[in-house]
Amino acid sequence: MEEKGVATLDRALAIFGAFTEEAPSLSLTEISRRTGLYKSTLLRLLSSLQQSGLIQQNDDGDYHVGAMAMRLANLYQRSLHVSDIIGAALKKLVDATSENANFYVRRGDARVCVYCANSPQQIRAHTLIGDIFPLDRGAGGKILSAFSDDLRSAPGLDEVRERCIAVSHGEYTSDLTGIAAPVFGFGDRIEGAIAVTGPTSRFTPERIATAEIALLRTALELTRALGGDAKNLESTLYRAERSQAPAKRAPAKPKSR
């Protein structure tokens, strides 16, 4: 019975996953296509979800997410302690990279550090909460520019959007390297840029690649926690991890006797 209940829950979650911002209302046929569930199964599940207010049906017969979902979202937001979540994520990032980890938000034509965690290294970058930096310099600035609607056409940002990663060497402070990734919130809106910064001498190509993966993992974790769409980060992280995976060696040919 327990396995059956879990299977039913998985199917119900699949239904919610079928709705997107581009398709907030779906027909029974389309839900079936997107979930792979039979219409007879869907009708039973949708009926139960309608009774709980989690799914509603339009006059034309299409379905959409119900008002109860808004209540649950409100409860989630009330329980969400953003500072604790971001602070914990930055500490994990420091553990993974041994460099300073910062979270920047855009303020007009500048970026502001609103959270930070210091590297344990004696020689390190020095950034404090409240420090203000230009938006047009540094990895964090590139990320915020690339994903801000009014700056998306700025030159050099297409690759940043494609990779969800920005790297800078000495753009704001000489001999410092920064690497950053975007964090998204509800509505695919960028909430901020998460970054690691340290002396350029420590950022070998191998360490840059390792830091990029750590940043993408952290950005993905924070995006999910803040209710953002993580699909782009998921695919980018997948590609980055595959590119760093050691190539499989071809099996050795047997020696002829």
Protein backbone atom coordinates (compact mmCIF):
# COMPACT_ATOMS: atom_id res chain seq x y z
CA MET A 1 0.00 0.00 0.00
CA GLU A 2 2.87 2.36 0.82
CA GLU A 3 4.46 1.88 -2.61
CA LYS A 4 1.09 2.53 -4.27
CA GLY A 5 0.72 5.76 -2.29
CA VAL A 6 4.19 6.92 -3.32
CA ALA A 7 3.43 6.13 -6.96
CA THR A 8 0.21 8.16 -6.75
CA LEU A 9 2.11 11.09 -5.25
CA ASP A 10 4.75 10.89 -7.98
CA ARG A 11 2.01 11.03 -10.62
CA ALA A 12 0.37 14.01 -8.96
CA LEU A 13 3.73 15.83 -8.89
CA ALA A 14 4.19 15.00 -12.56
CA ILE A 15 0.90 16.77 -13.27
CA PHE A 16 2.09 19.95 -11.56
CA GLY A 17 5.37 19.69 -13.45
CA ALA A 18 3.47 19.78 -16.74
CA PHE A 19 2.36 23.39 -16.19
CA THR A 20 4.80 26.16 -17.10
CA GLU A 21 4.75 29.95 -17.34
CA GLU A 22 4.34 29.56 -21.10
CA ALA A 23 1.50 27.04 -20.66
CA PRO A 24 -0.39 27.84 -17.41
CA SER A 25 -3.54 26.08 -18.70
CA LEU A 26 -3.52 22.66 -20.35
CA SER A 27 -6.05 20.30 -21.87
CA LEU A 28 -6.39 16.73 -20.66
CA THR A 29 -4.77 15.54 -23.88
CA GLU A 30 -1.79 17.84 -23.43
CA ILE A 31 -1.31 16.85 -19.77
CA SER A 32 -1.36 13.23 -20.88
CA ARG A 33 1.27 13.94 -23.54
CA ARG A 34 3.54 15.81 -21.14
CA THR A 35 3.29 13.34 -18.27
CA GLY A 36 2.97 10.07 -20.18
CA LEU A 37 -0.06 9.12 -18.06
CA TYR A 38 -3.23 7.58 -19.43
CA LYS A 39 -6.26 9.89 -19.57
CA SER A 40 -8.27 7.54 -17.33
CA THR A 41 -5.54 7.76 -14.68
CA LEU A 42 -5.32 11.52 -15.07
CA LEU A 43 -9.06 11.99 -14.63
CA ARG A 44 -8.98 10.22 -11.27
CA LEU A 45 -5.96 12.22 -10.07
CA LEU A 46 -7.30 15.54 -11.37
CA SER A 47 -10.62 14.93 -9.62
CA SER A 48 -8.85 14.44 -6.28
CA LEU A 49 -6.64 17.48 -6.85
CA GLN A 50 -9.71 19.58 -7.72
CA GLN A 51 -11.41 18.58 -4.47
CA SER A 52 -8.38 19.82 -2.53
CA GLY A 53 -8.22 23.08 -4.49
CA LEU A 54 -4.80 22.33 -5.94
CA ILE A 55 -6.15 22.08 -9.50
CA GLN A 56 -9.02 23.98 -11.10
CA GLN A 57 -10.82 23.58 -14.42
CA ASN A 58 -11.67 26.40 -16.81
CA ASP A 59 -15.04 26.76 -18.55
CA ASP A 60 -13.43 25.47 -21.74
CA GLY A 61 -12.38 22.26 -19.97
CA ASP A 62 -8.67 23.05 -19.63
CA TYR A 63 -6.95 22.69 -16.26
CA HIS A 64 -4.74 25.07 -14.31
CA VAL A 65 -3.07 25.21 -10.89
CA GLY A 66 -5.61 26.00 -8.18
CA ALA A 67 -5.81 28.66 -5.49
CA MET A 68 -4.63 26.29 -2.75
CA ALA A 69 -1.19 26.33 -4.39
CA MET A 70 -1.00 30.07 -3.68
CA ARG A 71 -1.70 29.45 0.00
CA LEU A 72 1.05 26.82 0.12
CA ALA A 73 3.44 29.18 -1.67
CA ASN A 74 2.67 31.89 0.88
CA LEU A 75 3.37 29.49 3.73
CA TYR A 76 6.65 28.53 2.10
CA GLN A 77 7.70 32.17 1.73
CA ARG A 78 6.87 32.82 5.40
CA SER A 79 9.06 29.90 6.45
CA LEU A 80 11.88 30.89 4.11
CA HIS A 81 14.84 32.51 5.87
CA VAL A 82 16.79 33.75 2.85
CA SER A 83 19.79 34.99 4.82
CA ASP A 84 20.25 31.58 6.46
CA ILE A 85 19.92 29.74 3.15
CA ILE A 86 22.36 31.98 1.28
CA GLY A 87 24.78 32.11 4.21
CA ALA A 88 24.92 28.31 4.44
CA ALA A 89 25.39 28.01 0.67
CA LEU A 90 28.31 30.46 0.74
CA LYS A 91 30.04 28.55 3.52
CA LYS A 92 29.75 25.34 1.51
CA LEU A 93 31.20 27.17 -1.48
CA VAL A 94 34.17 28.33 0.59
CA ASP A 95 34.73 24.73 1.72
CA ALA A 96 34.66 23.56 -1.90
CA THR A 97 36.94 26.26 -3.35
CA SER A 98 38.96 27.66 -0.39
CA GLU A 99 38.23 31.16 -1.77
CA ASN A 100 35.98 34.03 -0.72
CA ALA A 101 32.32 33.53 -1.61
CA ASN A 102 29.99 36.50 -2.14
CA PHE A 103 26.41 37.19 -3.17
CA TYR A 104 25.78 40.36 -5.19
CA VAL A 105 22.57 42.15 -6.16
CA ARG A 106 22.10 44.91 -8.67
CA ARG A 107 21.43 48.46 -7.53
CA GLY A 108 21.04 50.68 -10.59
CA ASP A 109 24.38 50.77 -12.41
CA ALA A 110 26.25 49.09 -9.57
CA ARG A 111 26.38 45.76 -7.73
CA VAL A 112 26.33 45.46 -3.97
CA CYS A 113 27.68 42.63 -1.83
CA VAL A 114 24.83 41.59 0.48
CA TYR A 115 26.24 38.30 1.82
CA CYS A 116 29.80 37.02 2.11
CA ALA A 117 31.89 34.22 3.58
CA ASN A 118 35.66 34.55 3.95
CA SER A 119 38.33 32.21 2.71
CA PRO A 120 40.50 30.46 5.33
CA GLN A 121 43.62 31.41 3.32
CA GLN A 122 45.94 34.08 4.70
CA ILE A 123 46.19 35.77 1.30
CA ARG A 124 42.69 36.34 0.04
CA ALA A 125 40.29 38.84 -1.45
CA HIS A 126 38.70 41.30 1.00
CA THR A 127 35.03 42.03 0.37
CA LEU A 128 32.59 43.21 3.04
CA ILE A 129 28.81 43.32 3.16
CA GLY A 130 27.75 46.66 1.72
CA ASP A 131 30.75 47.05 -0.61
CA ILE A 132 29.72 48.58 -3.94
CA PHE A 133 31.32 47.73 -7.28
CA PRO A 134 30.76 48.84 -10.89
CA LEU A 135 28.29 46.76 -12.83
CA ASP A 136 30.43 46.77 -15.97
CA ARG A 137 33.47 45.15 -14.35
CA GLY A 138 34.02 41.86 -12.59
CA ALA A 139 32.38 38.44 -12.92
CA GLY A 140 29.44 39.31 -10.67
CA GLY A 141 28.72 42.41 -12.74
CA LYS A 142 28.77 40.40 -15.96
CA ILE A 143 26.23 37.94 -14.56
CA LEU A 144 23.87 40.65 -13.34
CA SER A 145 24.18 42.47 -16.69
CA ALA A 146 23.68 39.32 -18.77
CA PHE A 147 20.40 38.42 -17.10
CA SER A 148 18.94 41.90 -16.58
CA ASP A 149 16.31 42.72 -19.20
CA ASP A 150 17.59 46.24 -19.85
CA LEU A 151 21.22 45.15 -20.34
CA ARG A 152 20.81 41.90 -22.28
CA SER A 153 22.04 43.47 -25.52
CA ALA A 154 25.37 44.63 -24.09
CA PRO A 155 28.35 43.20 -26.01
CA GLY A 156 30.13 40.09 -24.77
CA LEU A 157 27.24 38.70 -22.72
CA ASP A 158 25.89 36.03 -25.07
CA GLU A 159 28.48 33.49 -23.90
CA VAL A 160 27.73 34.35 -20.27
CA ARG A 161 24.03 33.62 -20.82
CA GLU A 162 24.83 30.40 -22.63
CA ARG A 163 27.23 29.06 -19.99
CA CYS A 164 25.63 30.69 -16.89
CA ILE A 165 29.21 31.44 -15.85
CA ALA A 166 31.33 34.60 -15.99
CA VAL A 167 35.08 34.81 -15.36
CA SER A 168 37.14 37.96 -14.87
CA HIS A 169 40.85 38.53 -14.29
CA GLY A 170 41.96 41.82 -12.75
CA GLU A 171 39.02 43.82 -14.09
CA TYR A 172 38.36 45.65 -10.84
CA THR A 173 41.40 44.83 -8.68
CA SER A 174 44.67 43.74 -10.23
CA ASP A 175 45.84 40.18 -9.49
CA LEU A 176 42.34 39.07 -8.47
CA THR A 177 40.19 36.57 -10.36
CA GLY A 178 36.43 36.25 -9.97
CA ILE A 179 34.02 33.58 -11.16
CA ALA A 180 30.25 34.00 -10.85
CA ALA A 181 26.93 32.30 -11.65
CA PRO A 182 23.30 33.52 -11.60
CA VAL A 183 20.66 32.72 -8.99
CA PHE A 184 17.04 32.95 -10.15
CA GLY A 185 13.81 33.47 -8.25
CA PHE A 186 10.13 33.18 -9.11
CA GLY A 187 9.22 34.22 -12.63
CA ASP A 188 12.74 33.47 -13.93
CA ARG A 189 13.86 36.79 -12.43
CA ILE A 190 17.52 37.03 -11.48
CA GLU A 191 17.86 37.39 -7.71
CA GLY A 192 21.60 37.87 -7.63
CA ALA A 193 25.04 36.65 -8.61
CA ILE A 194 26.99 34.18 -6.50
CA ALA A 195 30.76 34.48 -6.88
CA VAL A 196 34.13 33.25 -5.67
CA THR A 197 37.14 35.57 -5.69
CA GLY A 198 40.82 35.07 -4.97
CA PRO A 199 44.40 35.74 -6.11
CA THR A 200 44.83 35.07 -9.83
CA SER A 201 47.94 32.98 -9.14
CA ARG A 202 45.77 30.32 -7.47
CA PHE A 203 43.27 30.11 -10.31
CA THR A 204 44.87 27.61 -12.65
CA PRO A 205 42.68 26.34 -15.53
CA GLU A 206 41.98 23.19 -13.49
CA ARG A 207 40.91 25.19 -10.41
CA ILE A 208 38.75 27.48 -12.53
CA ALA A 209 36.95 24.46 -13.97
CA THR A 210 36.44 23.00 -10.48
CA ALA A 211 35.18 26.34 -9.13
CA GLU A 212 32.74 26.70 -12.04
CA ILE A 213 31.11 23.37 -11.21
CA ALA A 214 30.93 24.25 -7.50
CA LEU A 215 29.31 27.59 -8.39
CA LEU A 216 26.76 26.02 -10.73
CA ARG A 217 25.81 23.47 -8.07
CA THR A 218 25.38 26.23 -5.49
CA ALA A 219 23.42 28.44 -7.90
CA LEU A 220 21.16 25.49 -8.72
CA GLU A 221 20.56 24.78 -5.01
CA LEU A 222 19.72 28.42 -4.26
CA THR A 223 17.51 28.79 -7.34
CA ARG A 224 15.44 25.79 -6.27
CA ALA A 225 15.18 27.14 -2.72
CA LEU A 226 13.99 30.53 -3.97
CA GLY A 227 11.37 29.04 -6.28
CA GLY A 228 13.16 29.81 -9.53
CA ASP A 229 13.30 27.84 -12.75
CA ALA A 230 16.43 25.70 -12.52
CA LYS A 231 16.25 23.94 -15.91
CA ASN A 232 18.89 26.10 -17.58
CA LEU A 233 21.28 25.68 -14.65
CA GLU A 234 20.63 21.93 -14.58
CA SER A 235 21.56 21.49 -18.24
CA THR A 236 24.58 23.79 -17.90
CA LEU A 237 25.84 21.90 -14.86
CA TYR A 238 25.33 18.60 -16.66
CA ARG A 239 27.45 19.79 -19.60
CA ALA A 240 30.16 21.16 -17.30
CA GLU A 241 30.38 17.93 -15.31
CA ARG A 242 30.56 15.84 -18.48
CA SER A 243 33.32 18.01 -19.90
CA GLN A 244 35.34 17.52 -16.70
CA ALA A 245 34.74 13.76 -16.47
CA PRO A 246 37.84 11.72 -17.34
CA ALA A 247 37.63 10.18 -20.79
CA LYS A 248 37.05 6.45 -20.82
CA ARG A 249 39.97 4.52 -22.16
CA ALA A 250 39.38 2.13 -25.03
CA PRO A 251 39.89 -1.50 -24.03
CA ALA A 252 43.39 -2.76 -24.81
CA LYS A 253 43.67 -5.04 -27.80
CA PRO A 254 44.79 -8.57 -26.98
CA LYS A 255 48.40 -9.25 -27.90
CA SER A 256 48.91 -11.66 -30.77
CA ARG A 257 50.85 -14.78 -29.95
